[in-house]
Amino acid sequence: MWKKLLALLVLAATAGCVAVRAPEPYPLQEFAVATAGDTLVVSNLSSEPIYYAVLEEEFSTRARWAPCVPPAECPRVEAGQGARVPYASITGYQPGARKAMVFWYRLEAGRPGEVRSRSVTL
């Protein structure tokens, strides 16, 4: 009886140890942001167009941001391309601002005449 109980305890302890594993590496990022002088450089590393918005951090806490539509009027980066965003063109930017929030998303067609965001990432 004790041998069975001991074997069960060892099995339970071993099962618990096997369940613990190293975290998975982060997936390849699809969108990158860097600075270059007084400009943000946004890069689309994916195979689809990505739309984006850049808001000054303090302003972003008060803004009611939503994905831009219609697509023809929205900032967009084609697959494998980049775009430059001068600090002065960042929504809510004031000289001396130090941080900005970058939202990026994809748009997809819905019903005829409808466009919706498929994903939004900050």
Protein backbone atom coordinates (compact mmCIF):
# COMPACT_ATOMS: atom_id res chain seq x y z
CA MET A 1 0.00 0.00 0.00
CA TRP A 2 2.77 2.44 0.95
CA LYS A 3 4.68 1.61 -2.19
CA LYS A 4 1.62 2.46 -4.31
CA LEU A 5 1.09 5.73 -2.44
CA LEU A 6 4.77 6.65 -2.78
CA ALA A 7 4.69 5.81 -6.51
CA LEU A 8 1.56 7.96 -6.91
CA LEU A 9 3.21 10.90 -5.11
CA VAL A 10 6.36 10.59 -7.25
CA LEU A 11 4.23 10.45 -10.40
CA ALA A 12 2.24 13.52 -9.33
CA ALA A 13 5.40 15.47 -8.48
CA THR A 14 7.01 14.47 -11.77
CA ALA A 15 3.92 15.44 -13.76
CA GLY A 16 3.97 18.87 -12.13
CA CYS A 17 7.61 19.36 -13.10
CA VAL A 18 7.07 18.27 -16.68
CA ALA A 19 4.25 20.84 -17.08
CA VAL A 20 6.64 23.70 -16.33
CA ARG A 21 8.61 24.81 -19.38
CA ALA A 22 10.52 27.80 -20.61
CA PRO A 23 8.43 30.60 -22.11
CA GLU A 24 8.00 30.60 -25.87
CA PRO A 25 10.02 33.23 -27.74
CA TYR A 26 8.13 36.28 -28.94
CA PRO A 27 6.73 35.88 -32.46
CA LEU A 28 8.23 37.87 -35.30
CA GLN A 29 6.97 41.43 -35.03
CA GLU A 30 4.93 42.66 -37.98
CA PHE A 31 5.34 46.39 -37.33
CA ALA A 32 8.39 48.27 -36.07
CA VAL A 33 8.90 51.85 -34.93
CA ALA A 34 12.23 53.67 -34.62
CA THR A 35 13.36 57.27 -34.30
CA ALA A 36 15.57 59.16 -36.71
CA GLY A 37 16.28 62.75 -35.71
CA ASP A 38 12.92 64.50 -35.35
CA THR A 39 11.01 61.74 -37.15
CA LEU A 40 9.44 58.37 -36.32
CA VAL A 41 10.10 55.65 -38.86
CA VAL A 42 7.32 53.06 -39.04
CA SER A 43 8.04 49.81 -40.87
CA ASN A 44 5.66 47.11 -42.04
CA LEU A 45 7.39 43.74 -41.80
CA SER A 46 4.28 41.78 -42.78
CA SER A 47 2.87 40.65 -46.11
CA GLU A 48 -0.26 42.84 -45.88
CA PRO A 49 -0.85 46.61 -45.73
CA ILE A 50 -0.96 48.02 -42.21
CA TYR A 51 -2.75 51.21 -41.18
CA TYR A 52 -1.46 53.25 -38.27
CA ALA A 53 -2.04 56.27 -36.07
CA VAL A 54 0.45 58.13 -33.89
CA LEU A 55 -0.75 60.20 -30.93
CA GLU A 56 1.32 62.10 -28.39
CA GLU A 57 1.17 60.08 -25.15
CA GLU A 58 -0.54 62.71 -22.95
CA PHE A 59 -3.01 63.54 -25.71
CA SER A 60 -3.77 59.84 -26.21
CA THR A 61 -5.09 59.57 -22.64
CA ARG A 62 -7.84 62.08 -23.51
CA ALA A 63 -8.50 61.09 -27.12
CA ARG A 64 -11.27 58.78 -28.20
CA TRP A 65 -9.22 57.06 -30.82
CA ALA A 66 -10.76 54.61 -33.29
CA PRO A 67 -9.40 53.04 -36.49
CA CYS A 68 -9.56 55.37 -39.47
CA VAL A 69 -12.01 54.83 -42.33
CA PRO A 70 -12.39 55.07 -45.30
CA PRO A 71 -9.07 53.37 -46.09
CA ALA A 72 -8.17 55.79 -48.90
CA GLU A 73 -7.89 58.61 -46.33
CA CYS A 74 -5.90 56.71 -43.68
CA PRO A 75 -2.15 56.56 -43.02
CA ARG A 76 -0.96 53.24 -44.40
CA VAL A 77 2.29 51.34 -44.89
CA GLU A 78 2.42 48.80 -47.70
CA ALA A 79 3.82 45.31 -47.08
CA GLY A 80 7.59 45.41 -46.67
CA GLN A 81 7.69 49.22 -46.79
CA GLY A 82 8.26 52.06 -44.33
CA ALA A 83 7.01 55.58 -43.73
CA ARG A 84 8.42 58.63 -41.99
CA VAL A 85 6.28 60.54 -39.49
CA PRO A 86 7.74 63.93 -38.50
CA TYR A 87 7.19 64.67 -34.81
CA ALA A 88 5.34 67.87 -35.76
CA SER A 89 2.69 65.79 -37.58
CA ILE A 90 1.97 63.52 -34.58
CA THR A 91 -1.58 64.13 -33.37
CA GLY A 92 -1.46 66.23 -30.19
CA TYR A 93 2.27 66.86 -30.47
CA GLN A 94 3.69 69.85 -28.62
CA PRO A 95 7.37 70.85 -28.67
CA GLY A 96 9.09 69.10 -25.78
CA ALA A 97 6.84 66.02 -25.90
CA ARG A 98 8.89 62.90 -25.19
CA LYS A 99 6.55 59.95 -25.86
CA ALA A 100 3.98 58.87 -28.42
CA MET A 101 1.52 56.00 -28.71
CA VAL A 102 1.53 54.13 -32.02
CA PHE A 103 -1.58 52.14 -32.92
CA TRP A 104 -1.50 49.83 -35.92
CA TYR A 105 -4.25 47.80 -37.45
CA ARG A 106 -5.55 46.04 -40.53
CA LEU A 107 -8.76 46.82 -42.35
CA GLU A 108 -10.97 44.28 -44.07
CA ALA A 109 -14.08 44.54 -46.18
CA GLY A 110 -17.35 43.59 -44.54
CA ARG A 111 -20.72 43.80 -46.21
CA PRO A 112 -20.84 45.91 -49.39
CA GLY A 113 -19.70 49.43 -48.51
CA GLU A 114 -18.54 48.39 -45.01
CA VAL A 115 -14.95 48.37 -43.75
CA ARG A 116 -13.91 47.25 -40.28
CA SER A 117 -10.68 46.82 -38.38
CA ARG A 118 -9.48 43.26 -38.07
CA SER A 119 -6.95 43.84 -35.31
CA VAL A 120 -5.62 46.76 -33.33
CA THR A 121 -2.22 46.65 -31.64
CA LEU A 122 -0.56 49.20 -29.42
